C-alpha atoms as a PDB file:
ATOM      1  CA  MET A   1      98.146 133.205 -13.937  1.00  0.00           C
ATOM      2  CA  LYS A   2      99.796 134.674 -17.089  1.00  0.00           C
ATOM      3  CA  LEU A   3      97.821 136.868 -19.478  1.00  0.00           C
ATOM      4  CA  SER A   4      98.152 136.513 -23.138  1.00  0.00           C
ATOM      5  CA  ARG A   5      99.552 139.276 -25.249  1.00  0.00           C
ATOM      6  CA  TYR A   6      96.070 140.075 -26.778  1.00  0.00           C
ATOM      7  CA  THR A   7      94.477 140.215 -23.427  1.00  0.00           C
ATOM      8  CA  THR A   8      97.119 142.695 -22.089  1.00  0.00           C
ATOM      9  CA  VAL A   9      96.660 144.976 -25.125  1.00  0.00           C
ATOM     10  CA  PHE A  10      92.844 144.785 -24.691  1.00  0.00           C
ATOM     11  CA  VAL A  11      92.997 145.635 -20.995  1.00  0.00           C
ATOM     12  CA  THR A  12      95.338 148.557 -21.643  1.00  0.00           C
ATOM     13  CA  ILE A  13      93.121 150.056 -24.280  1.00  0.00           C
ATOM     14  CA  ALA A  14      90.070 149.611 -22.111  1.00  0.00           C
ATOM     15  CA  LEU A  15      91.793 151.448 -19.209  1.00  0.00           C
ATOM     16  CA  LEU A  16      92.828 154.267 -21.495  1.00  0.00           C
ATOM     17  CA  ILE A  17      89.274 154.697 -22.718  1.00  0.00           C
ATOM     18  CA  ILE A  18      87.871 154.600 -19.225  1.00  0.00           C
ATOM     19  CA  LEU A  19      90.475 157.240 -18.112  1.00  0.00           C
ATOM     20  CA  PHE A  20      89.974 159.714 -20.907  1.00  0.00           C
ATOM     21  CA  LEU A  21      86.270 159.318 -21.561  1.00  0.00           C
ATOM     22  CA  PRO A  22      85.071 161.251 -18.567  1.00  0.00           C
ATOM     23  CA  ALA A  23      87.304 164.154 -19.497  1.00  0.00           C
ATOM     24  CA  ASN A  24      85.823 164.361 -22.891  1.00  0.00           C
ATOM     25  CA  ALA A  25      82.329 164.028 -21.580  1.00  0.00           C
ATOM     26  CA  LEU A  26      82.842 167.048 -19.294  1.00  0.00           C
ATOM     27  CA  CYS A  27      84.152 169.292 -21.935  1.00  0.00           C
ATOM     28  CA  LYS A  28      81.677 172.114 -22.815  1.00  0.00           C
ATOM     29  CA  LYS A  29      81.644 172.601 -26.488  1.00  0.00           C
ATOM     30  CA  ALA A  30      81.250 176.178 -27.866  1.00  0.00           C
ATOM     31  CA  ARG A  31      78.028 176.629 -29.851  1.00  0.00           C
ATOM     32  CA  ILE A  32      76.085 179.358 -31.815  1.00  0.00           C
ATOM     33  CA  LYS A  33      72.794 180.276 -30.155  1.00  0.00           C
ATOM     34  CA  ASP A  34      69.975 182.979 -30.091  1.00  0.00           C
ATOM     35  CA  VAL A  35      70.181 183.558 -33.920  1.00  0.00           C
ATOM     36  CA  ILE A  36      67.899 186.313 -35.274  1.00  0.00           C
ATOM     37  CA  VAL A  37      67.776 187.103 -38.974  1.00  0.00           C
ATOM     38  CA  THR A  38      65.918 190.399 -39.601  1.00  0.00           C
ATOM     39  CA  ASN A  39      65.933 193.199 -42.061  1.00  0.00           C
ATOM     40  CA  THR A  40      65.757 196.977 -42.332  1.00  0.00           C
ATOM     41  CA  SER A  41      64.218 198.590 -45.365  1.00  0.00           C
ATOM     42  CA  LYS A  42      67.592 198.328 -47.033  1.00  0.00           C
ATOM     43  CA  ASP A  43      69.573 195.537 -45.556  1.00  0.00           C
ATOM     44  CA  LEU A  44      69.375 191.965 -44.347  1.00  0.00           C
ATOM     45  CA  MET A  45      70.929 191.743 -40.817  1.00  0.00           C
ATOM     46  CA  ILE A  46      71.880 188.984 -38.305  1.00  0.00           C
ATOM     47  CA  TYR A  47      72.236 188.848 -34.587  1.00  0.00           C
ATOM     48  CA  PHE A  48      73.547 185.863 -32.553  1.00  0.00           C
ATOM     49  CA  SER A  49      75.912 184.848 -29.708  1.00  0.00           C
ATOM     50  CA  VAL A  50      78.287 182.005 -28.920  1.00  0.00           C
ATOM     51  CA  GLU A  51      77.932 179.990 -25.745  1.00  0.00           C
ATOM     52  CA  GLY A  52      80.812 178.207 -24.030  1.00  0.00           C
ATOM     53  CA  CYS A  53      83.608 179.966 -25.788  1.00  0.00           C
ATOM     54  CA  PHE A  54      85.622 180.967 -22.731  1.00  0.00           C
ATOM     55  CA  THR A  55      87.793 178.370 -20.836  1.00  0.00           C
ATOM     56  CA  LYS A  56      89.427 179.107 -17.493  1.00  0.00           C
ATOM     57  CA  LYS A  57      92.886 179.050 -19.230  1.00  0.00           C
ATOM     58  CA  MET A  58      91.677 181.537 -21.855  1.00  0.00           C
ATOM     59  CA  GLU A  59      90.323 183.886 -19.166  1.00  0.00           C
ATOM     60  CA  ASP A  60      93.632 183.758 -17.324  1.00  0.00           C
ATOM     61  CA  ALA A  61      95.548 184.501 -20.470  1.00  0.00           C
ATOM     62  CA  ILE A  62      93.281 187.538 -21.186  1.00  0.00           C
ATOM     63  CA  LEU A  63      93.738 188.761 -17.648  1.00  0.00           C
ATOM     64  CA  ASN A  64      97.494 188.418 -18.106  1.00  0.00           C
ATOM     65  CA  GLY A  65      97.280 190.807 -21.228  1.00  0.00           C
ATOM     66  CA  ILE A  66      97.353 188.317 -24.025  1.00  0.00           C
ATOM     67  CA  PRO A  67      95.178 189.692 -26.893  1.00  0.00           C
ATOM     68  CA  THR A  68      92.468 187.218 -27.965  1.00  0.00           C
ATOM     69  CA  THR A  69      90.464 187.295 -31.156  1.00  0.00           C
ATOM     70  CA  PHE A  70      87.243 185.538 -32.223  1.00  0.00           C
ATOM     71  CA  THR A  71      86.413 185.312 -35.850  1.00  0.00           C
ATOM     72  CA  PHE A  72      82.790 184.783 -37.000  1.00  0.00           C
ATOM     73  CA  PHE A  73      82.039 183.437 -40.449  1.00  0.00           C
ATOM     74  CA  ILE A  74      78.539 184.232 -41.920  1.00  0.00           C
ATOM     75  CA  ASP A  75      77.528 182.803 -45.307  1.00  0.00           C
ATOM     76  CA  LEU A  76      74.180 183.375 -47.071  1.00  0.00           C
ATOM     77  CA  TYR A  77      72.985 180.768 -49.566  1.00  0.00           C
ATOM     78  CA  CYS A  78      70.069 180.308 -51.983  1.00  0.00           C
ATOM     79  CA  PRO A  79      69.215 176.548 -52.259  1.00  0.00           C
ATOM     80  CA  ARG A  80      69.042 175.184 -55.774  1.00  0.00           C
ATOM     81  CA  GLY A  81      67.245 171.892 -56.430  1.00  0.00           C
ATOM     82  CA  LEU A  82      69.605 169.592 -58.266  1.00  0.00           C
ATOM     83  CA  TRP A  83      72.622 171.881 -58.395  1.00  0.00           C
ATOM     84  CA  PHE A  84      75.068 173.424 -55.850  1.00  0.00           C
ATOM     85  CA  ASP A  85      73.504 176.078 -53.668  1.00  0.00           C
ATOM     86  CA  LYS A  86      74.389 179.640 -54.689  1.00  0.00           C
ATOM     87  CA  THR A  87      76.499 181.702 -52.302  1.00  0.00           C
ATOM     88  CA  LEU A  88      74.935 185.148 -52.169  1.00  0.00           C
ATOM     89  CA  ALA A  89      77.194 186.763 -49.411  1.00  0.00           C
ATOM     90  CA  THR A  90      80.210 185.936 -47.259  1.00  0.00           C
ATOM     91  CA  VAL A  91      80.829 188.094 -44.170  1.00  0.00           C
ATOM     92  CA  THR A  92      83.789 187.820 -41.787  1.00  0.00           C
ATOM     93  CA  VAL A  93      83.607 189.590 -38.426  1.00  0.00           C
ATOM     94  CA  ARG A  94      86.417 189.703 -35.792  1.00  0.00           C
ATOM     95  CA  HIS A  95      86.213 190.673 -32.086  1.00  0.00           C
ATOM     96  CA  THR A  96      89.395 191.225 -30.153  1.00  0.00           C
ATOM     97  CA  ILE A  97      89.860 191.677 -26.420  1.00  0.00           C
ATOM     98  CA  VAL A  98      92.855 193.204 -24.697  1.00  0.00           C
ATOM     99  CA  TYR A  99      93.179 193.730 -21.036  1.00  0.00           C
ATOM    100  CA  ASN A 100      95.121 196.854 -19.648  1.00  0.00           C
ATOM    101  CA  ASN A 101      96.486 195.850 -16.272  1.00  0.00           C
ATOM    102  CA  LEU A 102      97.419 199.472 -15.412  1.00  0.00           C
ATOM    103  CA  ARG A 103      94.029 200.915 -16.086  1.00  0.00           C
ATOM    104  CA  ASN A 104      92.142 197.865 -15.063  1.00  0.00           C
ATOM    105  CA  GLU A 105      89.993 197.957 -18.235  1.00  0.00           C
ATOM    106  CA  PHE A 106      89.263 195.702 -21.215  1.00  0.00           C
ATOM    107  CA  THR A 107      89.332 197.087 -24.788  1.00  0.00           C
ATOM    108  CA  VAL A 108      86.997 195.103 -27.048  1.00  0.00           C
ATOM    109  CA  THR A 109      87.413 195.873 -30.672  1.00  0.00           C
ATOM    110  CA  LEU A 110      84.313 194.986 -32.722  1.00  0.00           C
ATOM    111  CA  ASN A 111      85.719 194.769 -36.236  1.00  0.00           C
ATOM    112  CA  SER A 112      82.909 194.766 -38.802  1.00  0.00           C
ATOM    113  CA  LYS A 113      82.612 197.465 -41.441  1.00  0.00           C
ATOM    114  CA  ASP A 114      83.269 200.231 -38.874  1.00  0.00           C
ATOM    115  CA  LYS A 115      85.960 199.337 -36.474  1.00  0.00           C
ATOM    116  CA  LYS A 116      84.444 200.085 -33.089  1.00  0.00           C
ATOM    117  CA  GLU A 117      86.397 200.061 -29.773  1.00  0.00           C
ATOM    118  CA  VAL A 118      84.478 199.629 -26.463  1.00  0.00           C
ATOM    119  CA  LEU A 119      86.190 200.135 -23.118  1.00  0.00           C
ATOM    120  CA  LEU A 120      84.772 198.078 -20.249  1.00  0.00           C
ATOM    121  CA  LYS A 121      85.711 197.695 -16.565  1.00  0.00           C
ATOM    122  CA  ASP A 122      83.813 194.473 -15.987  1.00  0.00           C
ATOM    123  CA  PHE A 123      85.194 191.220 -17.321  1.00  0.00           C
ATOM    124  CA  LEU A 124      81.720 189.571 -17.597  1.00  0.00           C
ATOM    125  CA  GLU A 125      80.551 192.541 -19.783  1.00  0.00           C
ATOM    126  CA  ALA A 126      83.743 192.264 -21.863  1.00  0.00           C
ATOM    127  CA  LYS A 127      83.221 188.494 -22.424  1.00  0.00           C
ATOM    128  CA  LYS A 128      79.634 189.159 -23.445  1.00  0.00           C
ATOM    129  CA  ALA A 129      80.723 191.731 -25.972  1.00  0.00           C
ATOM    130  CA  MET A 130      83.208 189.343 -27.296  1.00  0.00           C
ATOM    131  CA  ALA A 131      80.610 186.573 -27.788  1.00  0.00           C
ATOM    132  CA  GLU A 132      77.812 188.579 -29.245  1.00  0.00           C
ATOM    133  CA  VAL A 133      77.378 189.691 -32.902  1.00  0.00           C
ATOM    134  CA  ASN A 134      74.759 192.505 -33.075  1.00  0.00           C
ATOM    135  CA  GLY A 135      73.258 193.923 -36.322  1.00  0.00           C
ATOM    136  CA  ILE A 136      75.768 192.740 -38.909  1.00  0.00           C
ATOM    137  CA  THR A 137      74.652 193.683 -42.399  1.00  0.00           C
ATOM    138  CA  VAL A 138      74.784 190.557 -44.544  1.00  0.00           C
ATOM    139  CA  ILE A 139      73.397 191.774 -47.943  1.00  0.00           C
ATOM    140  CA  PRO A 140      71.185 194.444 -49.394  1.00  0.00           C
ATOM    141  CA  MET A 141      67.547 193.513 -49.524  1.00  0.00           C
ATOM    142  CA  SER A 142      67.440 194.368 -53.226  1.00  0.00           C
ATOM    143  CA  SER A 143      69.671 191.259 -53.880  1.00  0.00           C
ATOM    144  CA  LEU A 144      66.858 188.886 -52.466  1.00  0.00           C
ATOM    145  CA  LYS A 145      63.727 187.753 -54.345  1.00  0.00           C
ATOM    146  CA  LYS A 146      60.368 187.771 -52.534  1.00  0.00           C
ATOM    147  CA  ASN A 147      59.016 184.358 -51.544  1.00  0.00           C
ATOM    148  CA  ASN A 148      62.351 182.561 -52.067  1.00  0.00           C
ATOM    149  CA  LYS A 149      63.956 180.275 -49.475  1.00  0.00           C
ATOM    150  CA  TYR A 150      67.418 181.119 -48.127  1.00  0.00           C
ATOM    151  CA  TYR A 151      69.668 179.979 -45.338  1.00  0.00           C
ATOM    152  CA  MET A 152      72.605 181.298 -43.452  1.00  0.00           C
ATOM    153  CA  ARG A 153      75.535 179.238 -42.128  1.00  0.00           C
ATOM    154  CA  ILE A 154      77.423 180.619 -39.150  1.00  0.00           C
ATOM    155  CA  LYS A 155      80.643 179.560 -37.531  1.00  0.00           C
ATOM    156  CA  ALA A 156      82.899 180.992 -34.758  1.00  0.00           C
ATOM    157  CA  LYS A 157      86.550 180.262 -34.252  1.00  0.00           C
ATOM    158  CA  LEU A 158      89.327 181.435 -31.874  1.00  0.00           C
ATOM    159  CA  ASP A 159      92.164 182.846 -33.921  1.00  0.00           C
ATOM    160  CA  PRO A 160      95.557 181.340 -33.156  1.00  0.00           C
ATOM    161  CA  ILE A 161      97.267 183.336 -30.539  1.00  0.00           C
ATOM    162  CA  LYS A 162     100.527 184.852 -31.622  1.00  0.00           C
ATOM    163  CA  LEU A 163     103.174 185.191 -28.959  1.00  0.00           C
ATOM    164  CA  PRO A 164     106.670 186.608 -29.174  1.00  0.00           C
ATOM    165  CA  PHE A 165     109.216 184.024 -30.488  1.00  0.00           C
ATOM    166  CA  PHE A 166     110.736 183.089 -27.143  1.00  0.00           C
ATOM    167  CA  LEU A 167     107.343 182.615 -25.417  1.00  0.00           C
ATOM    168  CA  ASP A 168     106.261 180.050 -28.032  1.00  0.00           C
ATOM    169  CA  TYR A 169     108.573 177.557 -26.308  1.00  0.00           C
ATOM    170  CA  VAL A 170     107.579 178.400 -22.767  1.00  0.00           C
ATOM    171  CA  LEU A 171     103.790 178.589 -23.423  1.00  0.00           C
ATOM    172  CA  PHE A 172     103.431 175.665 -25.738  1.00  0.00           C
ATOM    173  CA  PHE A 173     100.058 174.810 -24.099  1.00  0.00           C
ATOM    174  CA  VAL A 174      98.499 177.838 -25.698  1.00  0.00           C
ATOM    175  CA  SER A 175      97.244 175.617 -28.614  1.00  0.00           C
ATOM    176  CA  LEU A 176      95.032 173.871 -26.035  1.00  0.00           C
ATOM    177  CA  TRP A 177      92.795 176.985 -25.895  1.00  0.00           C
ATOM    178  CA  ASP A 178      91.547 176.643 -29.487  1.00  0.00           C
ATOM    179  CA  PHE A 179      87.859 176.423 -30.086  1.00  0.00           C
ATOM    180  CA  GLU A 180      85.814 176.183 -33.094  1.00  0.00           C
ATOM    181  CA  THR A 181      82.007 175.747 -33.262  1.00  0.00           C
ATOM    182  CA  ASP A 182      80.226 173.581 -35.660  1.00  0.00           C
ATOM    183  CA  TRP A 183      78.340 175.220 -38.550  1.00  0.00           C
ATOM    184  CA  TYR A 184      74.931 176.478 -37.396  1.00  0.00           C
ATOM    185  CA  THR A 185      72.297 176.742 -40.122  1.00  0.00           C
ATOM    186  CA  GLU A 186      69.342 179.200 -40.010  1.00  0.00           C
ATOM    187  CA  SER A 187      66.729 178.974 -42.821  1.00  0.00           C
ATOM    188  CA  PHE A 188      64.220 181.745 -43.729  1.00  0.00           C
ATOM    189  CA  ILE A 189      61.851 182.833 -46.482  1.00  0.00           C
ATOM    190  CA  TYR A 190      61.902 186.377 -47.683  1.00  0.00           C
END
């Protein structure tokens, strides 16, 4: 029995879909969670964390001393009826982790307004510090109007890993570590 050309193409495409679909279904996508928008007497602040941002290959790279940086984007908007929403604030926060093999410790740099370094011995604690944003000032409260609606959009992204020139060719698979969350939106009324 001879198959037609169209049947062969159809069967080939169906087999490829069947082979690659389970791999995509098992991928855990990074996402923003546990968002808290709060304020002090002077400032509007935000707390949140990212879930599913570490893959096995990324963990192996960190344990081999490759610096890894997460960038968090936080935007505050005031919705306007029939016009574009007004951007009130844009904040970018970077967290970087570096493993020191000789000392068996992780240095996590929390780069907001004040560059803060935390030394940790436990990898789970270091990953938690990388994935959490705690108490970042977004805007002074004096910039907000009472009883108005506002919303924040939050996104996390793994910065491209920069390797020495000769390692780019050997470790070409580094680009497979990339992750980027979808935009997460949190609305509130002041």
